[in-house]
Amino acid sequence: MHIGLIAGIGPAATDFYYRGLIDRHVAGGLPLDLTMAHADVREMSRNLVSKNPKKQAEIFAGLAQRLKAAGAQAVAVTSMGGHFCVNELMAISPLPVLNAIPAVDASLAAGKFRKIGILGTRTVMESKLYGGIPSVEVVPTEGAALDLVHDTYVAMATIGHVTEAQRQVFFEAGRALCARGAEAILLGGTDLFLAFAGHDPGFPVIDCADIHVDAIHATSAA
């Protein structure tokens, strides 16, 4: 299947999805048929902050139309933050949307997790991954910690690079959630791999983006 990726939100997330799909297809001995369209991460951030999913869905639908014209048969948004408008996008997209949220919930259920914490944008944390993971109880990030994680994540994702100070913000927030009963921390921001890859934060981590890449690969290889 020819997959269309709405990419660019942010640059490191795009690289994560692209490399992940290449690796999985090579391992399976399958060709990868893929086209990408670039979305503006700053524009999406403005629509996210202003709580305007309809406007962002219209932007994504326009990109999906371009991908369809290039031959894509399904489309995925390479950003967990970008899923804030996924329901609106699915209603107007000219292509089937490979939604990450059901795949994440199924993975959590299969792992028999009961309580998790979430790191990502403010919207992801406050909405408990857009209300799409009923299989688990979410230990919420609250107060000053929520603001700090959000601001740190947006700064990191926009430039596609993590500093050690930013890494420690995420690690400390995750440890605090585990101290309150979380069994694992869900990386609800695609770019969080920048902070966690190759490092041991001292608690179990579940990467939403990795689950999404697996789901996209399974669809494209079917």
N, C-alpha and C. Protein backbone atom coordinates (compact mmCIF):
# COMPACT_ATOMS: atom_id res chain seq x y z
N MET A 1 0.85 -1.20 0.00
CA MET A 1 0.00 0.00 0.00
C MET A 1 0.88 1.24 0.00
N HIS A 2 0.49 2.21 -0.79
CA HIS A 2 1.18 3.50 -0.86
C HIS A 2 0.71 4.36 0.33
N ILE A 3 1.64 4.68 1.23
CA ILE A 3 1.33 5.45 2.44
C ILE A 3 1.69 6.91 2.23
N GLY A 4 0.80 7.80 2.68
CA GLY A 4 1.08 9.23 2.70
C GLY A 4 1.34 9.68 4.13
N LEU A 5 2.41 10.39 4.35
CA LEU A 5 2.73 10.93 5.68
C LEU A 5 2.62 12.44 5.68
N ILE A 6 1.86 12.97 6.62
CA ILE A 6 1.86 14.41 6.88
C ILE A 6 2.98 14.65 7.88
N ALA A 7 4.04 15.28 7.40
CA ALA A 7 5.29 15.35 8.15
C ALA A 7 5.64 16.80 8.49
N GLY A 8 6.81 16.95 9.14
CA GLY A 8 7.30 18.28 9.47
C GLY A 8 6.91 18.78 10.84
N ILE A 9 6.18 17.98 11.62
CA ILE A 9 5.66 18.45 12.92
C ILE A 9 6.11 17.54 14.05
N GLY A 10 7.35 17.70 14.50
CA GLY A 10 8.41 18.54 13.98
C GLY A 10 9.39 17.71 13.15
N PRO A 11 10.56 18.30 12.88
CA PRO A 11 11.53 17.65 12.01
C PRO A 11 12.06 16.33 12.56
N ALA A 12 12.29 16.25 13.85
CA ALA A 12 12.80 15.00 14.44
C ALA A 12 11.74 13.91 14.39
N ALA A 13 10.48 14.30 14.56
CA ALA A 13 9.39 13.32 14.48
C ALA A 13 9.30 12.73 13.08
N THR A 14 9.46 13.58 12.08
CA THR A 14 9.45 13.10 10.69
C THR A 14 10.53 12.06 10.47
N ASP A 15 11.73 12.36 10.95
CA ASP A 15 12.85 11.43 10.81
C ASP A 15 12.57 10.12 11.53
N PHE A 16 11.93 10.19 12.70
CA PHE A 16 11.60 9.00 13.48
C PHE A 16 10.68 8.08 12.68
N TYR A 17 9.63 8.65 12.11
CA TYR A 17 8.67 7.85 11.34
C TYR A 17 9.32 7.30 10.06
N TYR A 18 10.05 8.14 9.37
CA TYR A 18 10.65 7.73 8.10
C TYR A 18 11.65 6.60 8.30
N ARG A 19 12.57 6.79 9.24
CA ARG A 19 13.56 5.75 9.51
C ARG A 19 12.90 4.48 10.04
N GLY A 20 11.89 4.67 10.91
CA GLY A 20 11.21 3.51 11.47
C GLY A 20 10.53 2.67 10.41
N LEU A 21 9.88 3.32 9.46
CA LEU A 21 9.21 2.58 8.38
C LEU A 21 10.23 1.91 7.46
N ILE A 22 11.32 2.62 7.16
CA ILE A 22 12.36 2.01 6.33
C ILE A 22 12.91 0.76 7.01
N ASP A 23 13.26 0.86 8.28
CA ASP A 23 13.83 -0.27 9.01
C ASP A 23 12.89 -1.47 9.02
N ARG A 24 11.61 -1.22 9.27
CA ARG A 24 10.65 -2.32 9.33
C ARG A 24 10.45 -2.97 7.97
N HIS A 25 10.41 -2.17 6.92
CA HIS A 25 10.22 -2.74 5.59
C HIS A 25 11.46 -3.52 5.15
N VAL A 26 12.64 -2.99 5.45
CA VAL A 26 13.87 -3.72 5.10
C VAL A 26 13.93 -5.05 5.84
N ALA A 27 13.59 -5.02 7.13
CA ALA A 27 13.62 -6.25 7.93
C ALA A 27 12.65 -7.29 7.39
N GLY A 28 11.52 -6.81 6.83
CA GLY A 28 10.53 -7.73 6.28
C GLY A 28 10.74 -8.07 4.82
N GLY A 29 11.78 -7.49 4.22
CA GLY A 29 12.07 -7.75 2.82
C GLY A 29 11.02 -7.19 1.88
N LEU A 30 10.42 -6.07 2.29
CA LEU A 30 9.34 -5.48 1.50
C LEU A 30 9.72 -4.09 1.00
N PRO A 31 9.26 -3.69 -0.18
CA PRO A 31 9.50 -2.33 -0.66
C PRO A 31 8.61 -1.34 0.10
N LEU A 32 9.11 -0.13 0.28
CA LEU A 32 8.33 0.91 0.95
C LEU A 32 7.83 1.90 -0.10
N ASP A 33 6.52 2.02 -0.20
CA ASP A 33 5.89 2.96 -1.13
C ASP A 33 5.33 4.10 -0.30
N LEU A 34 5.98 5.27 -0.35
CA LEU A 34 5.66 6.34 0.60
C LEU A 34 5.86 7.71 -0.03
N THR A 35 4.96 8.63 0.28
CA THR A 35 5.10 10.03 -0.11
C THR A 35 4.82 10.90 1.11
N MET A 36 5.58 11.99 1.26
CA MET A 36 5.39 12.89 2.40
C MET A 36 4.98 14.29 1.93
N ALA A 37 4.16 14.94 2.75
CA ALA A 37 3.80 16.34 2.55
C ALA A 37 4.16 17.10 3.82
N HIS A 38 4.69 18.28 3.66
CA HIS A 38 5.19 19.05 4.80
C HIS A 38 4.12 19.95 5.41
N ALA A 39 3.93 19.83 6.73
CA ALA A 39 3.05 20.73 7.47
C ALA A 39 3.91 21.65 8.33
N ASP A 40 3.39 22.82 8.65
CA ASP A 40 4.13 23.83 9.42
C ASP A 40 3.89 23.60 10.91
N VAL A 41 4.93 23.23 11.64
CA VAL A 41 4.79 22.94 13.07
C VAL A 41 4.36 24.16 13.86
N ARG A 42 4.79 25.34 13.45
CA ARG A 42 4.41 26.55 14.19
C ARG A 42 2.94 26.88 13.99
N GLU A 43 2.46 26.67 12.76
CA GLU A 43 1.04 26.88 12.49
C GLU A 43 0.19 25.90 13.29
N MET A 44 0.63 24.64 13.33
CA MET A 44 -0.11 23.65 14.10
C MET A 44 -0.10 24.00 15.58
N SER A 45 1.02 24.47 16.09
CA SER A 45 1.11 24.84 17.50
C SER A 45 0.15 25.97 17.83
N ARG A 46 0.01 26.91 16.93
CA ARG A 46 -0.93 28.02 17.15
C ARG A 46 -2.37 27.50 17.21
N ASN A 47 -2.72 26.61 16.30
CA ASN A 47 -4.08 26.05 16.30
C ASN A 47 -4.33 25.16 17.50
N LEU A 48 -3.28 24.48 17.97
CA LEU A 48 -3.39 23.65 19.17
C LEU A 48 -3.64 24.52 20.39
N VAL A 49 -2.86 25.58 20.53
CA VAL A 49 -2.99 26.47 21.70
C VAL A 49 -4.34 27.18 21.68
N SER A 50 -4.80 27.58 20.50
CA SER A 50 -6.07 28.30 20.39
C SER A 50 -7.27 27.36 20.36
N LYS A 51 -7.01 26.04 20.47
CA LYS A 51 -8.06 25.02 20.49
C LYS A 51 -8.97 25.12 19.26
N ASN A 52 -8.30 25.06 18.11
CA ASN A 52 -9.02 25.17 16.83
C ASN A 52 -8.76 23.92 15.98
N PRO A 53 -9.31 22.77 16.40
CA PRO A 53 -9.07 21.54 15.64
C PRO A 53 -9.65 21.58 14.23
N LYS A 54 -10.75 22.31 14.04
CA LYS A 54 -11.37 22.36 12.72
C LYS A 54 -10.43 22.99 11.70
N LYS A 55 -9.79 24.09 12.09
CA LYS A 55 -8.87 24.76 11.17
C LYS A 55 -7.69 23.86 10.83
N GLN A 56 -7.14 23.19 11.84
CA GLN A 56 -6.00 22.33 11.58
C GLN A 56 -6.39 21.12 10.74
N ALA A 57 -7.58 20.58 10.98
CA ALA A 57 -8.05 19.45 10.18
C ALA A 57 -8.18 19.84 8.72
N GLU A 58 -8.63 21.05 8.47
CA GLU A 58 -8.75 21.52 7.08
C GLU A 58 -7.39 21.62 6.42
N ILE A 59 -6.39 22.07 7.19
CA ILE A 59 -5.02 22.14 6.65
C ILE A 59 -4.51 20.73 6.34
N PHE A 60 -4.70 19.82 7.27
CA PHE A 60 -4.25 18.44 7.05
C PHE A 60 -5.00 17.80 5.88
N ALA A 61 -6.29 18.09 5.76
CA ALA A 61 -7.07 17.50 4.66
C ALA A 61 -6.55 17.99 3.31
N GLY A 62 -6.13 19.25 3.26
CA GLY A 62 -5.54 19.76 2.02
C GLY A 62 -4.26 19.03 1.67
N LEU A 63 -3.45 18.75 2.68
CA LEU A 63 -2.23 17.99 2.44
C LEU A 63 -2.54 16.54 2.05
N ALA A 64 -3.58 15.98 2.67
CA ALA A 64 -4.00 14.63 2.31
C ALA A 64 -4.46 14.56 0.86
N GLN A 65 -5.09 15.63 0.37
CA GLN A 65 -5.51 15.67 -1.02
C GLN A 65 -4.30 15.65 -1.95
N ARG A 66 -3.25 16.38 -1.58
CA ARG A 66 -2.02 16.37 -2.37
C ARG A 66 -1.40 14.97 -2.37
N LEU A 67 -1.43 14.32 -1.23
CA LEU A 67 -0.88 12.97 -1.14
C LEU A 67 -1.69 11.98 -1.97
N LYS A 68 -3.00 12.16 -1.96
CA LYS A 68 -3.86 11.30 -2.79
C LYS A 68 -3.52 11.48 -4.27
N ALA A 69 -3.31 12.73 -4.67
CA ALA A 69 -2.97 13.00 -6.06
C ALA A 69 -1.63 12.37 -6.43
N ALA A 70 -0.76 12.16 -5.43
CA ALA A 70 0.54 11.52 -5.68
C ALA A 70 0.44 10.00 -5.64
N GLY A 71 -0.76 9.48 -5.35
CA GLY A 71 -0.96 8.04 -5.38
C GLY A 71 -1.14 7.38 -4.03
N ALA A 72 -1.07 8.16 -2.93
CA ALA A 72 -1.23 7.57 -1.61
C ALA A 72 -2.63 6.99 -1.44
N GLN A 73 -2.70 5.89 -0.69
CA GLN A 73 -3.98 5.22 -0.45
C GLN A 73 -4.47 5.36 0.98
N ALA A 74 -3.60 5.84 1.86
CA ALA A 74 -3.97 6.12 3.25
C ALA A 74 -2.99 7.17 3.76
N VAL A 75 -3.39 7.86 4.84
CA VAL A 75 -2.56 8.96 5.35
C VAL A 75 -2.40 8.84 6.85
N ALA A 76 -1.22 9.25 7.34
CA ALA A 76 -0.95 9.27 8.77
C ALA A 76 -0.31 10.60 9.13
N VAL A 77 -0.65 11.10 10.31
CA VAL A 77 -0.05 12.33 10.83
C VAL A 77 1.11 11.93 11.73
N THR A 78 2.31 12.41 11.42
CA THR A 78 3.51 12.00 12.15
C THR A 78 3.73 12.84 13.40
N SER A 79 2.71 12.93 14.22
CA SER A 79 2.78 13.74 15.43
C SER A 79 1.64 13.35 16.35
N MET A 80 1.97 13.01 17.60
CA MET A 80 0.89 12.75 18.55
C MET A 80 0.15 14.04 18.87
N GLY A 81 0.89 15.15 18.96
CA GLY A 81 0.24 16.45 19.16
C GLY A 81 -0.72 16.76 18.03
N GLY A 82 -0.35 16.37 16.80
CA GLY A 82 -1.20 16.61 15.65
C GLY A 82 -2.49 15.82 15.67
N HIS A 83 -2.58 14.83 16.53
CA HIS A 83 -3.81 14.04 16.65
C HIS A 83 -4.91 14.78 17.43
N PHE A 84 -4.64 16.01 17.86
CA PHE A 84 -5.70 16.75 18.56
C PHE A 84 -6.89 17.02 17.65
N CYS A 85 -6.67 16.94 16.33
CA CYS A 85 -7.77 17.18 15.38
C CYS A 85 -8.09 15.92 14.57
N VAL A 86 -7.69 14.75 15.08
CA VAL A 86 -7.83 13.56 14.25
C VAL A 86 -9.29 13.22 13.95
N ASN A 87 -10.19 13.44 14.89
CA ASN A 87 -11.60 13.13 14.62
C ASN A 87 -12.16 14.05 13.54
N GLU A 88 -11.80 15.33 13.62
CA GLU A 88 -12.24 16.28 12.59
C GLU A 88 -11.61 15.94 11.24
N LEU A 89 -10.36 15.52 11.25
CA LEU A 89 -9.69 15.15 10.00
C LEU A 89 -10.33 13.92 9.38
N MET A 90 -10.64 12.91 10.20
CA MET A 90 -11.22 11.69 9.66
C MET A 90 -12.56 11.97 8.98
N ALA A 91 -13.25 13.00 9.44
CA ALA A 91 -14.57 13.32 8.86
C ALA A 91 -14.46 13.96 7.48
N ILE A 92 -13.32 14.57 7.16
CA ILE A 92 -13.20 15.30 5.89
C ILE A 92 -12.04 14.84 5.02
N SER A 93 -11.21 13.93 5.51
CA SER A 93 -10.03 13.52 4.75
C SER A 93 -10.42 12.78 3.47
N PRO A 94 -9.74 13.07 2.37
CA PRO A 94 -10.00 12.32 1.13
C PRO A 94 -9.38 10.93 1.14
N LEU A 95 -8.59 10.63 2.20
CA LEU A 95 -7.96 9.32 2.33
C LEU A 95 -8.28 8.73 3.70
N PRO A 96 -8.29 7.40 3.84
CA PRO A 96 -8.41 6.81 5.17
C PRO A 96 -7.26 7.29 6.06
N VAL A 97 -7.58 7.61 7.30
CA VAL A 97 -6.58 8.12 8.24
C VAL A 97 -6.13 6.99 9.16
N LEU A 98 -4.82 6.77 9.24
CA LEU A 98 -4.26 5.76 10.12
C LEU A 98 -4.05 6.40 11.49
N ASN A 99 -5.09 6.31 12.30
CA ASN A 99 -5.16 6.97 13.60
C ASN A 99 -4.30 6.23 14.63
N ALA A 100 -3.41 6.95 15.30
CA ALA A 100 -2.52 6.33 16.29
C ALA A 100 -3.23 5.92 17.57
N ILE A 101 -4.28 6.63 17.95
CA ILE A 101 -4.85 6.48 19.29
C ILE A 101 -5.41 5.08 19.55
N PRO A 102 -6.21 4.49 18.67
CA PRO A 102 -6.69 3.12 18.92
C PRO A 102 -5.56 2.11 19.02
N ALA A 103 -4.49 2.30 18.23
CA ALA A 103 -3.35 1.39 18.28
C ALA A 103 -2.67 1.47 19.64
N VAL A 104 -2.55 2.68 20.18
CA VAL A 104 -1.93 2.85 21.50
C VAL A 104 -2.79 2.18 22.57
N ASP A 105 -4.09 2.38 22.51
CA ASP A 105 -4.98 1.78 23.51
C ASP A 105 -4.91 0.26 23.46
N ALA A 106 -4.88 -0.29 22.26
CA ALA A 106 -4.79 -1.75 22.11
C ALA A 106 -3.48 -2.27 22.69
N SER A 107 -2.40 -1.52 22.49
CA SER A 107 -1.10 -1.94 23.01
C SER A 107 -1.08 -1.90 24.54
N LEU A 108 -1.69 -0.87 25.12
CA LEU A 108 -1.76 -0.77 26.58
C LEU A 108 -2.59 -1.91 27.16
N ALA A 109 -3.69 -2.23 26.49
CA ALA A 109 -4.54 -3.33 26.96
C ALA A 109 -3.80 -4.65 26.88
N ALA A 110 -3.06 -4.85 25.80
CA ALA A 110 -2.30 -6.10 25.62
C ALA A 110 -1.20 -6.23 26.68
N GLY A 111 -0.65 -5.09 27.09
CA GLY A 111 0.39 -5.09 28.11
C GLY A 111 -0.12 -5.20 29.53
N LYS A 112 -1.44 -5.20 29.67
CA LYS A 112 -2.11 -5.35 30.96
C LYS A 112 -1.70 -4.26 31.96
N PHE A 113 -1.47 -3.05 31.44
CA PHE A 113 -1.20 -1.93 32.32
C PHE A 113 -2.50 -1.46 32.98
N ARG A 114 -2.39 -1.03 34.21
CA ARG A 114 -3.54 -0.50 34.94
C ARG A 114 -3.47 1.01 35.11
N LYS A 115 -2.28 1.52 35.46
CA LYS A 115 -2.10 2.96 35.66
C LYS A 115 -0.86 3.43 34.91
N ILE A 116 -1.03 4.51 34.16
CA ILE A 116 0.11 5.08 33.45
C ILE A 116 0.13 6.59 33.65
N GLY A 117 1.28 7.18 33.43
CA GLY A 117 1.41 8.64 33.33
C GLY A 117 1.65 9.00 31.87
N ILE A 118 1.42 10.26 31.53
CA ILE A 118 1.60 10.72 30.14
C ILE A 118 2.44 11.99 30.13
N LEU A 119 3.39 12.05 29.21
CA LEU A 119 4.16 13.26 28.95
C LEU A 119 3.90 13.68 27.51
N GLY A 120 3.84 14.99 27.27
CA GLY A 120 3.61 15.51 25.93
C GLY A 120 3.17 16.95 25.99
N THR A 121 2.36 17.37 25.03
CA THR A 121 1.81 18.73 25.08
C THR A 121 0.76 18.84 26.18
N ARG A 122 0.41 20.06 26.52
CA ARG A 122 -0.62 20.29 27.52
C ARG A 122 -1.92 19.59 27.14
N THR A 123 -2.30 19.70 25.86
CA THR A 123 -3.55 19.08 25.41
C THR A 123 -3.51 17.56 25.57
N VAL A 124 -2.40 16.95 25.20
CA VAL A 124 -2.26 15.49 25.34
C VAL A 124 -2.39 15.09 26.80
N MET A 125 -1.71 15.82 27.69
CA MET A 125 -1.73 15.46 29.10
C MET A 125 -3.09 15.72 29.74
N GLU A 126 -3.67 16.89 29.47
CA GLU A 126 -4.96 17.23 30.09
C GLU A 126 -6.08 16.34 29.58
N SER A 127 -6.04 15.98 28.30
CA SER A 127 -7.12 15.18 27.71
C SER A 127 -6.90 13.68 27.89
N LYS A 128 -5.77 13.32 28.51
CA LYS A 128 -5.41 11.90 28.68
C LYS A 128 -5.37 11.19 27.33
N LEU A 129 -4.52 11.76 26.45
CA LEU A 129 -4.38 11.30 25.07
C LEU A 129 -5.72 11.33 24.36
N TYR A 130 -6.36 12.51 24.44
CA TYR A 130 -7.60 12.79 23.74
C TYR A 130 -8.74 11.85 24.15
N GLY A 131 -8.67 11.35 25.38
CA GLY A 131 -9.72 10.47 25.87
C GLY A 131 -9.77 9.14 25.16
N GLY A 132 -8.67 8.77 24.50
CA GLY A 132 -8.71 7.58 23.64
C GLY A 132 -8.08 6.34 24.20
N ILE A 133 -7.76 6.33 25.52
CA ILE A 133 -7.14 5.13 26.09
C ILE A 133 -7.94 4.66 27.32
N PRO A 134 -9.17 4.22 27.11
CA PRO A 134 -10.02 3.80 28.23
C PRO A 134 -9.55 2.53 28.93
N SER A 135 -8.58 1.82 28.33
CA SER A 135 -8.13 0.56 28.92
C SER A 135 -7.29 0.77 30.18
N VAL A 136 -6.86 2.02 30.43
CA VAL A 136 -6.01 2.28 31.61
C VAL A 136 -6.51 3.49 32.38
N GLU A 137 -6.07 3.58 33.63
CA GLU A 137 -6.27 4.77 34.44
C GLU A 137 -5.04 5.66 34.27
N VAL A 138 -5.26 6.95 34.06
CA VAL A 138 -4.15 7.88 33.84
C VAL A 138 -3.87 8.68 35.11
N VAL A 139 -2.63 8.65 35.57
CA VAL A 139 -2.20 9.50 36.67
C VAL A 139 -1.84 10.85 36.06
N PRO A 140 -2.59 11.91 36.37
CA PRO A 140 -2.42 13.16 35.63
C PRO A 140 -1.19 13.96 36.05
N THR A 141 -0.60 14.64 35.07
CA THR A 141 0.40 15.67 35.33
C THR A 141 -0.35 16.96 35.60
N GLU A 142 -0.02 17.65 36.68
CA GLU A 142 -0.83 18.78 37.12
C GLU A 142 0.03 19.99 37.48
N GLY A 143 -0.64 21.14 37.54
CA GLY A 143 -0.03 22.36 38.08
C GLY A 143 1.20 22.82 37.34
N ALA A 144 2.20 23.25 38.10
CA ALA A 144 3.42 23.79 37.50
C ALA A 144 4.15 22.75 36.67
N ALA A 145 4.07 21.48 37.07
CA ALA A 145 4.73 20.42 36.31
C ALA A 145 4.14 20.30 34.91
N LEU A 146 2.82 20.43 34.81
CA LEU A 146 2.17 20.35 33.50
C LEU A 146 2.67 21.47 32.59
N ASP A 147 2.72 22.69 33.12
CA ASP A 147 3.18 23.83 32.32
C ASP A 147 4.64 23.66 31.90
N LEU A 148 5.47 23.17 32.83
CA LEU A 148 6.89 23.01 32.53
C LEU A 148 7.12 21.94 31.47
N VAL A 149 6.44 20.82 31.59
CA VAL A 149 6.59 19.76 30.59
C VAL A 149 6.12 20.24 29.22
N HIS A 150 4.98 20.92 29.19
CA HIS A 150 4.46 21.42 27.91
C HIS A 150 5.44 22.39 27.26
N ASP A 151 5.87 23.39 28.00
CA ASP A 151 6.76 24.40 27.43
C ASP A 151 8.08 23.78 26.98
N THR A 152 8.60 22.85 27.77
CA THR A 152 9.86 22.19 27.43
C THR A 152 9.70 21.34 26.18
N TYR A 153 8.57 20.64 26.11
CA TYR A 153 8.33 19.79 24.93
C TYR A 153 8.22 20.62 23.65
N VAL A 154 7.44 21.69 23.70
CA VAL A 154 7.24 22.52 22.50
C VAL A 154 8.58 23.11 22.04
N ALA A 155 9.39 23.58 22.99
CA ALA A 155 10.69 24.14 22.64
C ALA A 155 11.58 23.10 21.98
N MET A 156 11.58 21.89 22.50
CA MET A 156 12.40 20.82 21.95
C MET A 156 11.90 20.39 20.57
N ALA A 157 10.59 20.20 20.44
CA ALA A 157 10.02 19.71 19.19
C ALA A 157 10.19 20.70 18.05
N THR A 158 10.12 21.99 18.36
CA THR A 158 10.20 23.01 17.31
C THR A 158 11.55 23.00 16.62
N ILE A 159 12.63 22.78 17.39
CA ILE A 159 13.96 22.80 16.79
C ILE A 159 14.51 21.40 16.50
N GLY A 160 13.87 20.37 17.06
CA GLY A 160 14.31 19.01 16.80
C GLY A 160 15.60 18.63 17.50
N HIS A 161 15.84 19.22 18.67
CA HIS A 161 17.05 18.94 19.42
C HIS A 161 16.74 19.05 20.91
N VAL A 162 17.36 18.19 21.74
CA VAL A 162 17.11 18.21 23.17
C VAL A 162 18.38 18.61 23.92
N THR A 163 18.22 19.42 24.95
CA THR A 163 19.34 19.75 25.83
C THR A 163 19.28 18.83 27.05
N GLU A 164 20.36 18.77 27.80
CA GLU A 164 20.37 17.94 28.99
C GLU A 164 19.37 18.45 30.02
N ALA A 165 19.24 19.77 30.12
CA ALA A 165 18.28 20.35 31.06
C ALA A 165 16.85 19.95 30.70
N GLN A 166 16.54 19.95 29.39
CA GLN A 166 15.21 19.53 28.96
C GLN A 166 14.97 18.05 29.25
N ARG A 167 15.99 17.24 29.02
CA ARG A 167 15.87 15.81 29.31
C ARG A 167 15.51 15.58 30.77
N GLN A 168 16.16 16.31 31.65
CA GLN A 168 15.93 16.14 33.08
C GLN A 168 14.52 16.58 33.49
N VAL A 169 13.95 17.56 32.79
CA VAL A 169 12.56 17.95 33.05
C VAL A 169 11.64 16.76 32.84
N PHE A 170 11.81 16.07 31.73
CA PHE A 170 10.96 14.91 31.41
C PHE A 170 11.20 13.76 32.38
N PHE A 171 12.47 13.52 32.70
CA PHE A 171 12.78 12.42 33.61
C PHE A 171 12.20 12.68 35.00
N GLU A 172 12.34 13.90 35.48
CA GLU A 172 11.82 14.22 36.82
C GLU A 172 10.30 14.15 36.84
N ALA A 173 9.65 14.62 35.77
CA ALA A 173 8.19 14.55 35.71
C ALA A 173 7.73 13.10 35.69
N GLY A 174 8.43 12.25 34.94
CA GLY A 174 8.08 10.83 34.89
C GLY A 174 8.26 10.15 36.23
N ARG A 175 9.35 10.46 36.92
CA ARG A 175 9.58 9.85 38.23
C ARG A 175 8.50 10.28 39.22
N ALA A 176 8.07 11.53 39.13
CA ALA A 176 7.02 12.01 40.03
C ALA A 176 5.71 11.28 39.79
N LEU A 177 5.39 11.01 38.53
CA LEU A 177 4.16 10.28 38.21
C LEU A 177 4.24 8.84 38.70
N CYS A 178 5.41 8.22 38.58
CA CYS A 178 5.57 6.85 39.07
C CYS A 178 5.46 6.80 40.59
N ALA A 179 5.95 7.85 41.26
CA ALA A 179 5.84 7.90 42.72
C ALA A 179 4.39 8.00 43.16
N ARG A 180 3.51 8.46 42.24
CA ARG A 180 2.09 8.59 42.54
C ARG A 180 1.29 7.39 42.03
N GLY A 181 1.98 6.34 41.59
CA GLY A 181 1.27 5.12 41.24
C GLY A 181 1.32 4.69 39.80
N ALA A 182 1.90 5.50 38.91
CA ALA A 182 1.99 5.10 37.50
C ALA A 182 2.94 3.91 37.36
N GLU A 183 2.53 2.90 36.60
CA GLU A 183 3.37 1.72 36.36
C GLU A 183 4.36 1.96 35.22
N ALA A 184 4.02 2.89 34.34
CA ALA A 184 4.87 3.22 33.20
C ALA A 184 4.49 4.62 32.73
N ILE A 185 5.37 5.20 31.92
CA ILE A 185 5.13 6.53 31.38
C ILE A 185 4.95 6.44 29.88
N LEU A 186 3.82 6.96 29.41
CA LEU A 186 3.50 6.98 28.00
C LEU A 186 4.10 8.24 27.38
N LEU A 187 4.95 8.05 26.38
CA LEU A 187 5.51 9.20 25.66
C LEU A 187 4.46 9.65 24.64
N GLY A 188 3.69 10.65 25.05
CA GLY A 188 2.58 11.13 24.23
C GLY A 188 2.97 12.26 23.30
N GLY A 189 4.27 12.45 23.12
CA GLY A 189 4.79 13.41 22.16
C GLY A 189 5.82 12.70 21.29
N THR A 190 5.65 12.77 19.98
CA THR A 190 6.51 12.00 19.08
C THR A 190 7.98 12.33 19.28
N ASP A 191 8.29 13.59 19.54
CA ASP A 191 9.70 14.01 19.64
C ASP A 191 10.35 13.63 20.96
N LEU A 192 9.60 13.04 21.87
CA LEU A 192 10.19 12.67 23.16
C LEU A 192 11.27 11.60 23.03
N PHE A 193 11.32 10.89 21.91
CA PHE A 193 12.41 9.94 21.73
C PHE A 193 13.76 10.63 21.79
N LEU A 194 13.80 11.92 21.45
CA LEU A 194 15.05 12.68 21.52
C LEU A 194 15.62 12.66 22.94
N ALA A 195 14.74 12.74 23.92
CA ALA A 195 15.17 12.78 25.32
C ALA A 195 15.42 11.40 25.90
N PHE A 196 14.68 10.40 25.42
CA PHE A 196 14.70 9.09 26.07
C PHE A 196 15.57 8.05 25.37
N ALA A 197 15.75 8.14 24.07
CA ALA A 197 16.49 7.11 23.34
C ALA A 197 17.93 7.01 23.86
N GLY A 198 18.33 5.79 24.23
CA GLY A 198 19.69 5.57 24.71
C GLY A 198 19.93 5.95 26.15
N HIS A 199 18.86 6.31 26.87
CA HIS A 199 18.98 6.73 28.27
C HIS A 199 18.03 5.92 29.13
N ASP A 200 18.43 5.67 30.36
CA ASP A 200 17.58 4.96 31.33
C ASP A 200 17.03 5.98 32.32
N PRO A 201 15.72 6.32 32.21
CA PRO A 201 15.16 7.31 33.12
C PRO A 201 14.84 6.76 34.50
N GLY A 202 14.92 5.43 34.64
CA GLY A 202 14.61 4.82 35.92
C GLY A 202 13.18 4.35 36.05
N PHE A 203 12.44 4.36 34.95
CA PHE A 203 11.05 3.88 34.95
C PHE A 203 10.72 3.34 33.56
N PRO A 204 9.71 2.44 33.46
CA PRO A 204 9.32 1.90 32.16
C PRO A 204 8.71 2.98 31.26
N VAL A 205 9.00 2.90 29.97
CA VAL A 205 8.54 3.89 29.00
C VAL A 205 7.81 3.18 27.86
N ILE A 206 6.68 3.74 27.43
CA ILE A 206 5.92 3.24 26.29
C ILE A 206 5.84 4.37 25.26
N ASP A 207 6.35 4.15 24.08
CA ASP A 207 6.45 5.21 23.07
C ASP A 207 5.26 5.12 22.10
N CYS A 208 4.38 6.12 22.18
CA CYS A 208 3.21 6.15 21.29
C CYS A 208 3.61 6.15 19.82
N ALA A 209 4.65 6.91 19.49
CA ALA A 209 5.06 7.03 18.09
C ALA A 209 5.55 5.69 17.56
N ASP A 210 6.27 4.93 18.38
CA ASP A 210 6.76 3.63 17.94
C ASP A 210 5.59 2.68 17.68
N ILE A 211 4.58 2.76 18.53
CA ILE A 211 3.37 1.95 18.31
C ILE A 211 2.69 2.34 17.00
N HIS A 212 2.64 3.65 16.75
CA HIS A 212 2.01 4.15 15.52
C HIS A 212 2.78 3.68 14.29
N VAL A 213 4.10 3.75 14.34
CA VAL A 213 4.90 3.29 13.20
C VAL A 213 4.66 1.81 12.94
N ASP A 214 4.57 1.02 14.01
CA ASP A 214 4.25 -0.41 13.84
C ASP A 214 2.91 -0.58 13.12
N ALA A 215 1.92 0.21 13.54
CA ALA A 215 0.59 0.09 12.94
C ALA A 215 0.59 0.51 11.47
N ILE A 216 1.32 1.57 11.15
CA ILE A 216 1.41 2.02 9.76
C ILE A 216 2.10 0.94 8.91
N HIS A 217 3.17 0.39 9.46
CA HIS A 217 3.90 -0.66 8.73
C HIS A 217 2.99 -1.87 8.48
N ALA A 218 2.24 -2.27 9.50
CA ALA A 218 1.35 -3.42 9.35
C ALA A 218 0.32 -3.17 8.24
N THR A 219 -0.19 -1.95 8.17
CA THR A 219 -1.16 -1.62 7.13
C THR A 219 -0.52 -1.59 5.75
N SER A 220 0.65 -0.98 5.66
CA SER A 220 1.30 -0.86 4.36
C SER A 220 1.79 -2.19 3.83
N ALA A 221 2.10 -3.11 4.75
CA ALA A 221 2.62 -4.41 4.34
C ALA A 221 1.52 -5.43 4.06
N ALA A 222 0.29 -5.08 4.42
CA ALA A 222 -0.81 -6.04 4.27
C ALA A 222 -1.12 -6.31 2.80
